[in-house]
Amino acid sequence: MIEIIDSKFVTSAATIEDAPDSKEQNEVVFMARSNVGKSSLLNALTNHKGLAKVSSTPGKTRLINYFDVTFIDRENAQKSFAKFVDLPGFGYAKVSKSIKYDWEKNLTDYISNRKQIKLFIHLIDCRHPFLEIDKSVTDFLIDHANETQYILQIFTKIDKLNQKEQNALKKEFPKALMVSSSKKRGLQKIVTIIYDILQGAAGEN
């Protein structure tokens, strides 16, 4: 069994130039529209309620936040280390156009040029699976991820759908994962998949 046994905030960065130095390709980037439940998922995965701040004002945070995370494989007690990276929520309109432009440019530069990224996790609200902005993000990641990087699509708030709706979503997005942070559903599977990808044990992206 794979578990996350420790997590802590490291730093915030406004641009790729401010990102922490690292030679390892061990960063896991979480990205989502504002108010999809990204902070709640980070807190649930790490079992650390206050790790990522849950903002009452969507779109307020415009910094890239870094967290050191420690995994353990309970079968052999082997520990491994990674960085979880919380990107600002995208697609929120209540910021000035100049701020929005700079913000989006910084994120684009970061996603395109940060070689330490091993895994992109794109979170989507399960109740709104076909928004154009999420399709654009998916297309952007496919275009910009290199052959050493993975992309994982996760639908949040799955407890809001009934079984029939969940089955329809799984049929439409067979490779995506489903999670409910509040109900603790799907968390263990996500932790294990992240670990396997970081360890190089996963299949093709």
N, C-alpha and C. Protein backbone atom coordinates (compact mmCIF):
# COMPACT_ATOMS: atom_id res chain seq x y z
N MET A 1 0.84 -1.20 0.00
CA MET A 1 0.00 0.00 0.00
C MET A 1 0.88 1.25 0.00
N ILE A 2 0.51 2.20 -0.83
CA ILE A 2 1.25 3.46 -0.93
C ILE A 2 0.52 4.53 -0.13
N GLU A 3 1.26 5.27 0.68
CA GLU A 3 0.66 6.35 1.46
C GLU A 3 1.52 7.60 1.37
N ILE A 4 0.88 8.73 1.56
CA ILE A 4 1.60 9.99 1.77
C ILE A 4 1.66 10.22 3.27
N ILE A 5 2.87 10.28 3.80
CA ILE A 5 3.02 10.36 5.26
C ILE A 5 3.46 11.72 5.75
N ASP A 6 3.86 12.58 4.83
CA ASP A 6 4.27 13.92 5.26
C ASP A 6 4.11 14.89 4.09
N SER A 7 3.75 16.12 4.41
CA SER A 7 3.63 17.16 3.39
C SER A 7 3.79 18.51 4.07
N LYS A 8 4.45 19.43 3.36
CA LYS A 8 4.64 20.76 3.94
C LYS A 8 4.80 21.79 2.83
N PHE A 9 4.35 23.00 3.13
CA PHE A 9 4.50 24.11 2.19
C PHE A 9 5.97 24.49 2.07
N VAL A 10 6.42 24.75 0.83
CA VAL A 10 7.81 25.13 0.60
C VAL A 10 7.93 26.61 0.27
N THR A 11 7.27 27.02 -0.82
CA THR A 11 7.38 28.40 -1.26
C THR A 11 6.30 28.73 -2.27
N SER A 12 6.14 30.01 -2.56
CA SER A 12 5.26 30.46 -3.63
C SER A 12 6.11 31.15 -4.68
N ALA A 13 5.70 31.04 -5.93
CA ALA A 13 6.44 31.65 -7.03
C ALA A 13 5.47 32.35 -7.97
N ALA A 14 5.85 33.52 -8.43
CA ALA A 14 5.01 34.26 -9.38
C ALA A 14 5.31 33.86 -10.82
N THR A 15 6.56 33.44 -11.07
CA THR A 15 6.99 33.08 -12.43
C THR A 15 7.89 31.86 -12.36
N ILE A 16 8.23 31.32 -13.51
CA ILE A 16 9.13 30.17 -13.56
C ILE A 16 10.51 30.52 -13.01
N GLU A 17 10.91 31.78 -13.13
CA GLU A 17 12.21 32.21 -12.60
C GLU A 17 12.26 32.11 -11.08
N ASP A 18 11.09 32.23 -10.44
CA ASP A 18 11.04 32.17 -8.98
C ASP A 18 10.86 30.76 -8.45
N ALA A 19 10.71 29.78 -9.34
CA ALA A 19 10.47 28.40 -8.92
C ALA A 19 11.71 27.84 -8.23
N PRO A 20 11.52 26.93 -7.27
CA PRO A 20 12.68 26.39 -6.55
C PRO A 20 13.59 25.58 -7.45
N ASP A 21 14.89 25.63 -7.17
CA ASP A 21 15.87 24.86 -7.93
C ASP A 21 15.69 23.37 -7.67
N SER A 22 15.78 22.59 -8.72
CA SER A 22 15.69 21.15 -8.59
C SER A 22 16.22 20.50 -9.86
N LYS A 23 16.96 19.42 -9.71
CA LYS A 23 17.45 18.67 -10.86
C LYS A 23 16.60 17.43 -11.12
N GLU A 24 15.72 17.13 -10.18
CA GLU A 24 14.87 15.94 -10.32
C GLU A 24 13.60 16.24 -11.10
N GLN A 25 13.13 15.28 -11.85
CA GLN A 25 11.84 15.40 -12.53
C GLN A 25 10.80 14.71 -11.63
N ASN A 26 10.40 15.44 -10.59
CA ASN A 26 9.51 14.82 -9.60
C ASN A 26 8.36 15.75 -9.19
N GLU A 27 7.98 16.65 -10.10
CA GLU A 27 6.91 17.59 -9.76
C GLU A 27 5.58 17.11 -10.34
N VAL A 28 4.55 17.23 -9.50
CA VAL A 28 3.19 16.86 -9.87
C VAL A 28 2.36 18.14 -9.85
N VAL A 29 1.91 18.57 -11.02
CA VAL A 29 1.21 19.84 -11.15
C VAL A 29 -0.30 19.61 -11.13
N PHE A 30 -0.97 20.32 -10.23
CA PHE A 30 -2.43 20.28 -10.15
C PHE A 30 -2.99 21.56 -10.77
N MET A 31 -3.88 21.39 -11.73
CA MET A 31 -4.44 22.55 -12.41
C MET A 31 -5.94 22.35 -12.62
N ALA A 32 -6.68 23.47 -12.52
CA ALA A 32 -8.14 23.38 -12.62
C ALA A 32 -8.72 24.77 -12.78
N ARG A 33 -9.95 24.80 -13.28
CA ARG A 33 -10.72 26.03 -13.20
C ARG A 33 -10.89 26.38 -11.72
N SER A 34 -11.13 27.66 -11.46
CA SER A 34 -11.40 28.07 -10.09
C SER A 34 -12.67 27.39 -9.58
N ASN A 35 -12.63 27.02 -8.32
CA ASN A 35 -13.80 26.47 -7.63
C ASN A 35 -14.17 25.05 -8.06
N VAL A 36 -13.17 24.28 -8.52
CA VAL A 36 -13.42 22.89 -8.90
C VAL A 36 -13.10 21.94 -7.74
N GLY A 37 -12.39 22.44 -6.73
CA GLY A 37 -12.06 21.62 -5.57
C GLY A 37 -10.62 21.19 -5.52
N LYS A 38 -9.73 21.98 -6.14
CA LYS A 38 -8.31 21.62 -6.21
C LYS A 38 -7.66 21.62 -4.82
N SER A 39 -7.88 22.68 -4.06
CA SER A 39 -7.29 22.75 -2.72
C SER A 39 -7.82 21.65 -1.82
N SER A 40 -9.11 21.38 -1.92
CA SER A 40 -9.70 20.31 -1.11
C SER A 40 -9.08 18.96 -1.45
N LEU A 41 -8.82 18.72 -2.73
CA LEU A 41 -8.21 17.46 -3.14
C LEU A 41 -6.77 17.35 -2.63
N LEU A 42 -6.01 18.43 -2.76
CA LEU A 42 -4.63 18.42 -2.24
C LEU A 42 -4.63 18.10 -0.75
N ASN A 43 -5.51 18.71 -0.01
CA ASN A 43 -5.58 18.47 1.42
C ASN A 43 -6.00 17.03 1.73
N ALA A 44 -6.93 16.50 0.93
CA ALA A 44 -7.40 15.13 1.15
C ALA A 44 -6.33 14.10 0.80
N LEU A 45 -5.63 14.31 -0.32
CA LEU A 45 -4.59 13.37 -0.73
C LEU A 45 -3.46 13.28 0.29
N THR A 46 -3.11 14.44 0.86
CA THR A 46 -2.00 14.49 1.81
C THR A 46 -2.45 14.30 3.25
N ASN A 47 -3.78 14.19 3.44
CA ASN A 47 -4.34 14.06 4.79
C ASN A 47 -3.85 15.20 5.69
N HIS A 48 -3.83 16.39 5.11
CA HIS A 48 -3.32 17.58 5.79
C HIS A 48 -4.33 18.70 5.53
N LYS A 49 -5.23 18.89 6.48
CA LYS A 49 -6.40 19.74 6.26
C LYS A 49 -6.04 21.16 5.85
N GLY A 50 -4.96 21.70 6.36
CA GLY A 50 -4.63 23.09 6.08
C GLY A 50 -3.49 23.29 5.11
N LEU A 51 -3.11 22.24 4.38
CA LEU A 51 -1.94 22.36 3.50
C LEU A 51 -2.18 23.41 2.42
N ALA A 52 -3.22 23.22 1.62
CA ALA A 52 -3.57 24.19 0.58
C ALA A 52 -4.75 25.00 1.08
N LYS A 53 -4.63 26.30 0.99
CA LYS A 53 -5.68 27.17 1.48
C LYS A 53 -6.88 27.14 0.53
N VAL A 54 -8.05 26.91 1.10
CA VAL A 54 -9.29 26.93 0.33
C VAL A 54 -9.83 28.35 0.36
N SER A 55 -9.74 29.04 -0.78
CA SER A 55 -10.13 30.45 -0.83
C SER A 55 -11.64 30.59 -0.96
N SER A 56 -12.18 31.59 -0.24
CA SER A 56 -13.60 31.88 -0.37
C SER A 56 -13.88 32.73 -1.60
N THR A 57 -12.81 33.27 -2.21
CA THR A 57 -12.94 34.08 -3.42
C THR A 57 -12.24 33.39 -4.58
N PRO A 58 -12.99 32.70 -5.44
CA PRO A 58 -12.36 32.00 -6.57
C PRO A 58 -11.51 32.95 -7.41
N GLY A 59 -10.33 32.46 -7.82
CA GLY A 59 -9.46 33.27 -8.67
C GLY A 59 -8.58 34.23 -7.91
N LYS A 60 -8.64 34.19 -6.58
CA LYS A 60 -7.89 35.17 -5.78
C LYS A 60 -6.38 34.88 -5.83
N THR A 61 -6.01 33.61 -5.73
CA THR A 61 -4.60 33.25 -5.67
C THR A 61 -3.99 33.26 -7.07
N ARG A 62 -2.89 34.00 -7.22
CA ARG A 62 -2.23 34.07 -8.53
C ARG A 62 -0.78 33.61 -8.46
N LEU A 63 -0.43 32.89 -7.40
CA LEU A 63 0.92 32.39 -7.24
C LEU A 63 0.94 30.87 -7.43
N ILE A 64 2.10 30.37 -7.85
CA ILE A 64 2.33 28.93 -7.95
C ILE A 64 2.86 28.48 -6.59
N ASN A 65 2.16 27.56 -5.95
CA ASN A 65 2.54 27.11 -4.61
C ASN A 65 3.15 25.72 -4.65
N TYR A 66 4.26 25.56 -3.95
CA TYR A 66 5.01 24.30 -3.92
C TYR A 66 4.92 23.63 -2.55
N PHE A 67 4.75 22.30 -2.58
CA PHE A 67 4.68 21.52 -1.36
C PHE A 67 5.60 20.32 -1.48
N ASP A 68 6.40 20.06 -0.45
CA ASP A 68 7.19 18.83 -0.39
C ASP A 68 6.32 17.71 0.14
N VAL A 69 6.35 16.57 -0.54
CA VAL A 69 5.50 15.44 -0.19
C VAL A 69 6.36 14.19 -0.04
N THR A 70 6.11 13.43 1.01
CA THR A 70 6.83 12.17 1.24
C THR A 70 5.88 10.99 1.11
N PHE A 71 6.22 10.07 0.20
CA PHE A 71 5.47 8.82 0.01
C PHE A 71 6.17 7.70 0.76
N ILE A 72 5.40 6.68 1.13
CA ILE A 72 6.01 5.44 1.65
C ILE A 72 5.29 4.25 1.04
N ASP A 73 6.08 3.26 0.66
CA ASP A 73 5.54 1.98 0.23
C ASP A 73 5.54 1.09 1.46
N ARG A 74 4.36 0.77 1.98
CA ARG A 74 4.27 0.03 3.24
C ARG A 74 4.81 -1.39 3.13
N GLU A 75 4.89 -1.92 1.92
CA GLU A 75 5.40 -3.29 1.76
C GLU A 75 6.88 -3.40 2.08
N ASN A 76 7.64 -2.37 1.72
CA ASN A 76 9.09 -2.43 1.97
C ASN A 76 9.62 -1.25 2.78
N ALA A 77 8.70 -0.39 3.24
CA ALA A 77 9.06 0.78 4.07
C ALA A 77 9.94 1.78 3.32
N GLN A 78 9.95 1.69 1.99
CA GLN A 78 10.78 2.59 1.20
C GLN A 78 10.07 3.94 1.03
N LYS A 79 10.81 5.01 1.30
CA LYS A 79 10.27 6.37 1.16
C LYS A 79 10.75 6.98 -0.16
N SER A 80 9.92 7.86 -0.70
CA SER A 80 10.32 8.64 -1.87
C SER A 80 9.71 10.02 -1.74
N PHE A 81 10.27 10.95 -2.50
CA PHE A 81 9.92 12.35 -2.30
C PHE A 81 9.51 13.00 -3.61
N ALA A 82 8.57 13.92 -3.51
CA ALA A 82 8.08 14.63 -4.69
C ALA A 82 7.67 16.04 -4.28
N LYS A 83 7.39 16.83 -5.30
CA LYS A 83 6.81 18.15 -5.06
C LYS A 83 5.44 18.20 -5.71
N PHE A 84 4.44 18.58 -4.93
CA PHE A 84 3.13 18.89 -5.48
C PHE A 84 3.11 20.38 -5.78
N VAL A 85 2.61 20.73 -6.95
CA VAL A 85 2.60 22.13 -7.39
C VAL A 85 1.15 22.55 -7.65
N ASP A 86 0.72 23.54 -6.92
CA ASP A 86 -0.65 24.04 -7.01
C ASP A 86 -0.65 25.28 -7.90
N LEU A 87 -1.15 25.12 -9.13
CA LEU A 87 -1.22 26.26 -10.04
C LEU A 87 -2.47 27.10 -9.75
N PRO A 88 -2.42 28.40 -10.01
CA PRO A 88 -3.60 29.24 -9.82
C PRO A 88 -4.77 28.73 -10.67
N GLY A 89 -5.97 28.88 -10.14
CA GLY A 89 -7.15 28.50 -10.90
C GLY A 89 -7.27 29.35 -12.15
N PHE A 90 -7.67 28.74 -13.26
CA PHE A 90 -7.77 29.49 -14.51
C PHE A 90 -9.23 29.73 -14.86
N GLY A 91 -9.44 30.68 -15.75
CA GLY A 91 -10.78 30.90 -16.28
C GLY A 91 -11.69 31.70 -15.38
N TYR A 92 -11.11 32.45 -14.45
CA TYR A 92 -11.97 33.28 -13.59
C TYR A 92 -11.90 34.72 -14.07
N ALA A 93 -13.02 35.35 -14.29
CA ALA A 93 -13.06 36.62 -15.03
C ALA A 93 -12.84 37.86 -14.16
N LYS A 94 -13.01 37.74 -12.84
CA LYS A 94 -13.02 38.94 -12.01
C LYS A 94 -11.61 39.40 -11.62
N VAL A 95 -10.75 39.52 -12.60
CA VAL A 95 -9.46 40.19 -12.43
C VAL A 95 -9.28 41.09 -13.64
N SER A 96 -8.46 42.11 -13.49
CA SER A 96 -8.29 43.04 -14.60
C SER A 96 -7.65 42.33 -15.79
N LYS A 97 -7.87 42.88 -16.99
CA LYS A 97 -7.35 42.25 -18.20
C LYS A 97 -5.83 42.17 -18.20
N SER A 98 -5.17 43.21 -17.68
CA SER A 98 -3.70 43.21 -17.69
C SER A 98 -3.16 42.14 -16.74
N ILE A 99 -3.79 42.02 -15.57
CA ILE A 99 -3.37 40.99 -14.63
C ILE A 99 -3.63 39.61 -15.22
N LYS A 100 -4.79 39.45 -15.84
CA LYS A 100 -5.17 38.16 -16.41
C LYS A 100 -4.18 37.77 -17.51
N TYR A 101 -3.76 38.73 -18.34
CA TYR A 101 -2.80 38.45 -19.42
C TYR A 101 -1.46 37.99 -18.84
N ASP A 102 -0.93 38.76 -17.87
CA ASP A 102 0.36 38.41 -17.27
C ASP A 102 0.30 37.05 -16.59
N TRP A 103 -0.79 36.83 -15.89
CA TRP A 103 -1.02 35.60 -15.16
C TRP A 103 -1.02 34.41 -16.12
N GLU A 104 -1.81 34.51 -17.20
CA GLU A 104 -1.91 33.40 -18.14
C GLU A 104 -0.60 33.18 -18.89
N LYS A 105 0.12 34.27 -19.18
CA LYS A 105 1.41 34.12 -19.85
C LYS A 105 2.40 33.38 -18.95
N ASN A 106 2.42 33.76 -17.66
CA ASN A 106 3.33 33.10 -16.71
C ASN A 106 3.01 31.61 -16.61
N LEU A 107 1.74 31.27 -16.57
CA LEU A 107 1.35 29.87 -16.48
C LEU A 107 1.73 29.11 -17.74
N THR A 108 1.52 29.75 -18.90
CA THR A 108 1.89 29.11 -20.16
C THR A 108 3.40 28.86 -20.21
N ASP A 109 4.19 29.86 -19.82
CA ASP A 109 5.65 29.70 -19.79
C ASP A 109 6.04 28.56 -18.85
N TYR A 110 5.38 28.54 -17.70
CA TYR A 110 5.71 27.53 -16.69
C TYR A 110 5.42 26.12 -17.21
N ILE A 111 4.23 25.93 -17.75
CA ILE A 111 3.83 24.61 -18.22
C ILE A 111 4.71 24.16 -19.39
N SER A 112 5.07 25.09 -20.25
CA SER A 112 5.86 24.74 -21.44
C SER A 112 7.33 24.48 -21.12
N ASN A 113 7.87 25.17 -20.11
CA ASN A 113 9.32 25.20 -19.93
C ASN A 113 9.84 24.55 -18.66
N ARG A 114 8.99 24.21 -17.73
CA ARG A 114 9.45 23.63 -16.46
C ARG A 114 9.72 22.14 -16.66
N LYS A 115 10.99 21.80 -16.82
CA LYS A 115 11.37 20.43 -17.16
C LYS A 115 11.21 19.47 -15.98
N GLN A 116 11.11 20.01 -14.77
CA GLN A 116 10.99 19.15 -13.59
C GLN A 116 9.62 18.52 -13.43
N ILE A 117 8.66 18.96 -14.26
CA ILE A 117 7.31 18.41 -14.17
C ILE A 117 7.28 16.99 -14.73
N LYS A 118 6.79 16.05 -13.94
CA LYS A 118 6.62 14.66 -14.39
C LYS A 118 5.16 14.37 -14.74
N LEU A 119 4.24 15.02 -14.02
CA LEU A 119 2.82 14.68 -14.18
C LEU A 119 1.96 15.94 -14.10
N PHE A 120 1.10 16.11 -15.09
CA PHE A 120 0.08 17.16 -15.06
C PHE A 120 -1.24 16.52 -14.65
N ILE A 121 -1.86 17.03 -13.60
CA ILE A 121 -3.18 16.55 -13.19
C ILE A 121 -4.18 17.66 -13.47
N HIS A 122 -5.08 17.38 -14.39
CA HIS A 122 -6.11 18.35 -14.81
C HIS A 122 -7.42 17.95 -14.14
N LEU A 123 -7.88 18.78 -13.23
CA LEU A 123 -9.11 18.51 -12.48
C LEU A 123 -10.30 19.17 -13.18
N ILE A 124 -11.40 18.42 -13.27
CA ILE A 124 -12.61 18.90 -13.93
C ILE A 124 -13.80 18.60 -13.02
N ASP A 125 -14.67 19.56 -12.84
CA ASP A 125 -15.90 19.36 -12.08
C ASP A 125 -16.77 18.36 -12.85
N CYS A 126 -17.13 17.26 -12.21
CA CYS A 126 -17.88 16.20 -12.91
C CYS A 126 -19.24 16.66 -13.41
N ARG A 127 -19.74 17.75 -12.82
CA ARG A 127 -21.06 18.24 -13.24
C ARG A 127 -20.99 19.09 -14.50
N HIS A 128 -19.77 19.47 -14.89
CA HIS A 128 -19.57 20.31 -16.07
C HIS A 128 -18.42 19.75 -16.90
N PRO A 129 -18.59 18.56 -17.48
CA PRO A 129 -17.45 17.88 -18.11
C PRO A 129 -17.08 18.36 -19.50
N PHE A 130 -17.93 19.20 -20.10
CA PHE A 130 -17.69 19.54 -21.51
C PHE A 130 -17.44 21.02 -21.73
N LEU A 131 -16.95 21.72 -20.73
CA LEU A 131 -16.70 23.16 -20.91
C LEU A 131 -15.55 23.38 -21.90
N GLU A 132 -15.70 24.41 -22.69
CA GLU A 132 -14.70 24.70 -23.72
C GLU A 132 -13.34 25.00 -23.10
N ILE A 133 -13.33 25.65 -21.95
CA ILE A 133 -12.05 26.01 -21.33
C ILE A 133 -11.28 24.76 -20.91
N ASP A 134 -11.98 23.73 -20.43
CA ASP A 134 -11.30 22.49 -20.06
C ASP A 134 -10.80 21.75 -21.29
N LYS A 135 -11.57 21.78 -22.36
CA LYS A 135 -11.10 21.16 -23.61
C LYS A 135 -9.84 21.87 -24.10
N SER A 136 -9.82 23.20 -23.98
CA SER A 136 -8.64 23.97 -24.40
C SER A 136 -7.41 23.59 -23.57
N VAL A 137 -7.61 23.41 -22.27
CA VAL A 137 -6.50 23.01 -21.39
C VAL A 137 -6.00 21.62 -21.76
N THR A 138 -6.93 20.70 -22.00
CA THR A 138 -6.53 19.35 -22.41
C THR A 138 -5.71 19.39 -23.70
N ASP A 139 -6.19 20.14 -24.68
CA ASP A 139 -5.47 20.26 -25.95
C ASP A 139 -4.10 20.90 -25.75
N PHE A 140 -4.05 21.91 -24.90
CA PHE A 140 -2.78 22.60 -24.63
C PHE A 140 -1.76 21.64 -24.01
N LEU A 141 -2.21 20.84 -23.04
CA LEU A 141 -1.30 19.90 -22.39
C LEU A 141 -0.80 18.85 -23.37
N ILE A 142 -1.69 18.34 -24.20
CA ILE A 142 -1.28 17.35 -25.19
C ILE A 142 -0.24 17.93 -26.14
N ASP A 143 -0.42 19.20 -26.50
CA ASP A 143 0.51 19.85 -27.42
C ASP A 143 1.86 20.16 -26.77
N HIS A 144 1.87 20.44 -25.45
CA HIS A 144 3.08 20.93 -24.81
C HIS A 144 3.82 19.92 -23.94
N ALA A 145 3.15 18.87 -23.50
CA ALA A 145 3.85 17.87 -22.68
C ALA A 145 4.86 17.12 -23.55
N ASN A 146 6.03 16.85 -22.98
CA ASN A 146 7.02 16.09 -23.74
C ASN A 146 6.89 14.59 -23.45
N GLU A 147 7.75 13.80 -24.08
CA GLU A 147 7.59 12.35 -24.00
C GLU A 147 7.88 11.78 -22.61
N THR A 148 8.48 12.57 -21.73
CA THR A 148 8.77 12.08 -20.37
C THR A 148 7.68 12.50 -19.38
N GLN A 149 6.67 13.22 -19.86
CA GLN A 149 5.64 13.75 -18.96
C GLN A 149 4.30 13.05 -19.18
N TYR A 150 3.53 12.97 -18.13
CA TYR A 150 2.23 12.31 -18.16
C TYR A 150 1.12 13.34 -17.92
N ILE A 151 -0.07 12.99 -18.40
CA ILE A 151 -1.27 13.81 -18.18
C ILE A 151 -2.34 12.92 -17.59
N LEU A 152 -2.92 13.37 -16.49
CA LEU A 152 -3.97 12.61 -15.82
C LEU A 152 -5.19 13.51 -15.65
N GLN A 153 -6.33 13.01 -16.08
CA GLN A 153 -7.58 13.76 -15.98
C GLN A 153 -8.39 13.18 -14.81
N ILE A 154 -8.79 14.06 -13.89
CA ILE A 154 -9.55 13.62 -12.72
C ILE A 154 -10.83 14.45 -12.60
N PHE A 155 -11.94 13.76 -12.46
CA PHE A 155 -13.22 14.45 -12.24
C PHE A 155 -13.49 14.53 -10.74
N THR A 156 -13.72 15.75 -10.27
CA THR A 156 -13.95 15.98 -8.84
C THR A 156 -15.45 15.99 -8.52
N LYS A 157 -15.73 15.93 -7.21
CA LYS A 157 -17.10 16.04 -6.68
C LYS A 157 -18.01 14.95 -7.25
N ILE A 158 -17.46 13.75 -7.40
CA ILE A 158 -18.20 12.67 -8.04
C ILE A 158 -19.42 12.26 -7.20
N ASP A 159 -19.41 12.59 -5.91
CA ASP A 159 -20.55 12.27 -5.05
C ASP A 159 -21.80 13.07 -5.44
N LYS A 160 -21.63 14.09 -6.26
CA LYS A 160 -22.76 14.90 -6.71
C LYS A 160 -23.55 14.23 -7.84
N LEU A 161 -23.00 13.14 -8.40
CA LEU A 161 -23.68 12.44 -9.49
C LEU A 161 -24.27 11.13 -8.99
N ASN A 162 -25.39 10.72 -9.56
CA ASN A 162 -25.92 9.40 -9.24
C ASN A 162 -25.17 8.34 -10.06
N GLN A 163 -25.45 7.08 -9.80
CA GLN A 163 -24.68 6.01 -10.43
C GLN A 163 -24.82 6.02 -11.95
N LYS A 164 -26.01 6.28 -12.44
CA LYS A 164 -26.23 6.33 -13.88
C LYS A 164 -25.39 7.44 -14.51
N GLU A 165 -25.36 8.60 -13.88
CA GLU A 165 -24.56 9.72 -14.39
C GLU A 165 -23.07 9.41 -14.33
N GLN A 166 -22.64 8.74 -13.26
CA GLN A 166 -21.24 8.34 -13.15
C GLN A 166 -20.85 7.37 -14.26
N ASN A 167 -21.72 6.41 -14.53
CA ASN A 167 -21.44 5.42 -15.58
C ASN A 167 -21.33 6.09 -16.95
N ALA A 168 -22.21 7.08 -17.19
CA ALA A 168 -22.17 7.80 -18.46
C ALA A 168 -20.87 8.59 -18.60
N LEU A 169 -20.42 9.18 -17.50
CA LEU A 169 -19.17 9.95 -17.52
C LEU A 169 -17.97 9.03 -17.77
N LYS A 170 -17.97 7.88 -17.11
CA LYS A 170 -16.87 6.92 -17.31
C LYS A 170 -16.83 6.41 -18.75
N LYS A 171 -18.01 6.25 -19.36
CA LYS A 171 -18.07 5.80 -20.75
C LYS A 171 -17.50 6.88 -21.68
N GLU A 172 -17.79 8.15 -21.36
CA GLU A 172 -17.34 9.27 -22.19
C GLU A 172 -15.84 9.52 -22.01
N PHE A 173 -15.34 9.31 -20.78
CA PHE A 173 -13.93 9.57 -20.46
C PHE A 173 -13.33 8.32 -19.80
N PRO A 174 -13.09 7.26 -20.57
CA PRO A 174 -12.68 5.97 -19.98
C PRO A 174 -11.34 6.00 -19.26
N LYS A 175 -10.46 6.92 -19.61
CA LYS A 175 -9.13 6.96 -18.98
C LYS A 175 -9.09 7.87 -17.75
N ALA A 176 -10.15 8.63 -17.53
CA ALA A 176 -10.17 9.58 -16.42
C ALA A 176 -10.45 8.86 -15.09
N LEU A 177 -10.04 9.50 -14.00
CA LEU A 177 -10.33 9.01 -12.67
C LEU A 177 -11.45 9.84 -12.04
N MET A 178 -12.12 9.27 -11.06
CA MET A 178 -13.21 9.94 -10.37
C MET A 178 -12.85 10.07 -8.89
N VAL A 179 -13.16 11.22 -8.30
CA VAL A 179 -12.80 11.41 -6.89
C VAL A 179 -13.85 12.27 -6.18
N SER A 180 -13.99 11.99 -4.90
CA SER A 180 -14.77 12.87 -4.02
C SER A 180 -13.92 13.13 -2.78
N SER A 181 -13.44 14.36 -2.65
CA SER A 181 -12.61 14.70 -1.49
C SER A 181 -13.41 14.61 -0.20
N SER A 182 -14.65 15.08 -0.24
CA SER A 182 -15.47 15.11 0.98
C SER A 182 -15.85 13.71 1.45
N LYS A 183 -16.06 12.79 0.50
CA LYS A 183 -16.45 11.42 0.85
C LYS A 183 -15.26 10.46 0.88
N LYS A 184 -14.06 10.97 0.60
CA LYS A 184 -12.83 10.16 0.60
C LYS A 184 -12.88 9.03 -0.43
N ARG A 185 -13.52 9.27 -1.53
CA ARG A 185 -13.63 8.26 -2.58
C ARG A 185 -12.59 8.48 -3.66
N GLY A 186 -11.88 7.43 -4.01
CA GLY A 186 -10.91 7.49 -5.10
C GLY A 186 -9.54 8.01 -4.71
N LEU A 187 -9.35 8.39 -3.46
CA LEU A 187 -8.08 9.01 -3.04
C LEU A 187 -6.92 8.03 -3.10
N GLN A 188 -7.13 6.81 -2.59
CA GLN A 188 -6.04 5.83 -2.56
C GLN A 188 -5.55 5.48 -3.96
N LYS A 189 -6.49 5.35 -4.88
CA LYS A 189 -6.12 5.02 -6.26
C LYS A 189 -5.27 6.14 -6.86
N ILE A 190 -5.64 7.38 -6.60
CA ILE A 190 -4.88 8.51 -7.14
C ILE A 190 -3.47 8.55 -6.56
N VAL A 191 -3.35 8.37 -5.24
CA VAL A 191 -2.03 8.37 -4.60
C VAL A 191 -1.15 7.29 -5.22
N THR A 192 -1.71 6.10 -5.42
CA THR A 192 -0.93 4.99 -5.98
C THR A 192 -0.50 5.28 -7.42
N ILE A 193 -1.39 5.83 -8.22
CA ILE A 193 -1.06 6.14 -9.61
C ILE A 193 0.03 7.22 -9.68
N ILE A 194 -0.11 8.25 -8.86
CA ILE A 194 0.93 9.30 -8.82
C ILE A 194 2.28 8.68 -8.47
N TYR A 195 2.29 7.85 -7.44
CA TYR A 195 3.52 7.19 -7.00
C TYR A 195 4.13 6.35 -8.13
N ASP A 196 3.28 5.55 -8.78
CA ASP A 196 3.78 4.69 -9.85
C ASP A 196 4.38 5.50 -11.00
N ILE A 197 3.74 6.59 -11.35
CA ILE A 197 4.27 7.45 -12.42
C ILE A 197 5.61 8.06 -12.02
N LEU A 198 5.70 8.54 -10.80
CA LEU A 198 6.96 9.12 -10.32
C LEU A 198 8.08 8.08 -10.26
N GLN A 199 7.70 6.83 -9.99
CA GLN A 199 8.69 5.77 -9.91
C GLN A 199 8.99 5.14 -11.27
N GLY A 200 8.25 5.59 -12.29
CA GLY A 200 8.47 5.05 -13.62
C GLY A 200 7.81 3.72 -13.85
N ALA A 201 6.84 3.37 -13.00
CA ALA A 201 6.21 2.06 -13.11
C ALA A 201 4.92 2.08 -13.91
N ALA A 202 4.48 3.29 -14.33
CA ALA A 202 3.22 3.38 -15.05
C ALA A 202 3.44 3.09 -16.52
N GLY A 203 2.32 2.86 -17.22
CA GLY A 203 2.39 2.58 -18.66
C GLY A 203 2.51 3.87 -19.43
N GLU A 204 2.22 3.79 -20.72
CA GLU A 204 2.34 4.95 -21.58
C GLU A 204 1.32 6.01 -21.21
N ASN A 205 1.70 7.30 -21.36
CA ASN A 205 0.75 8.38 -21.07
C ASN A 205 -0.13 8.62 -22.29
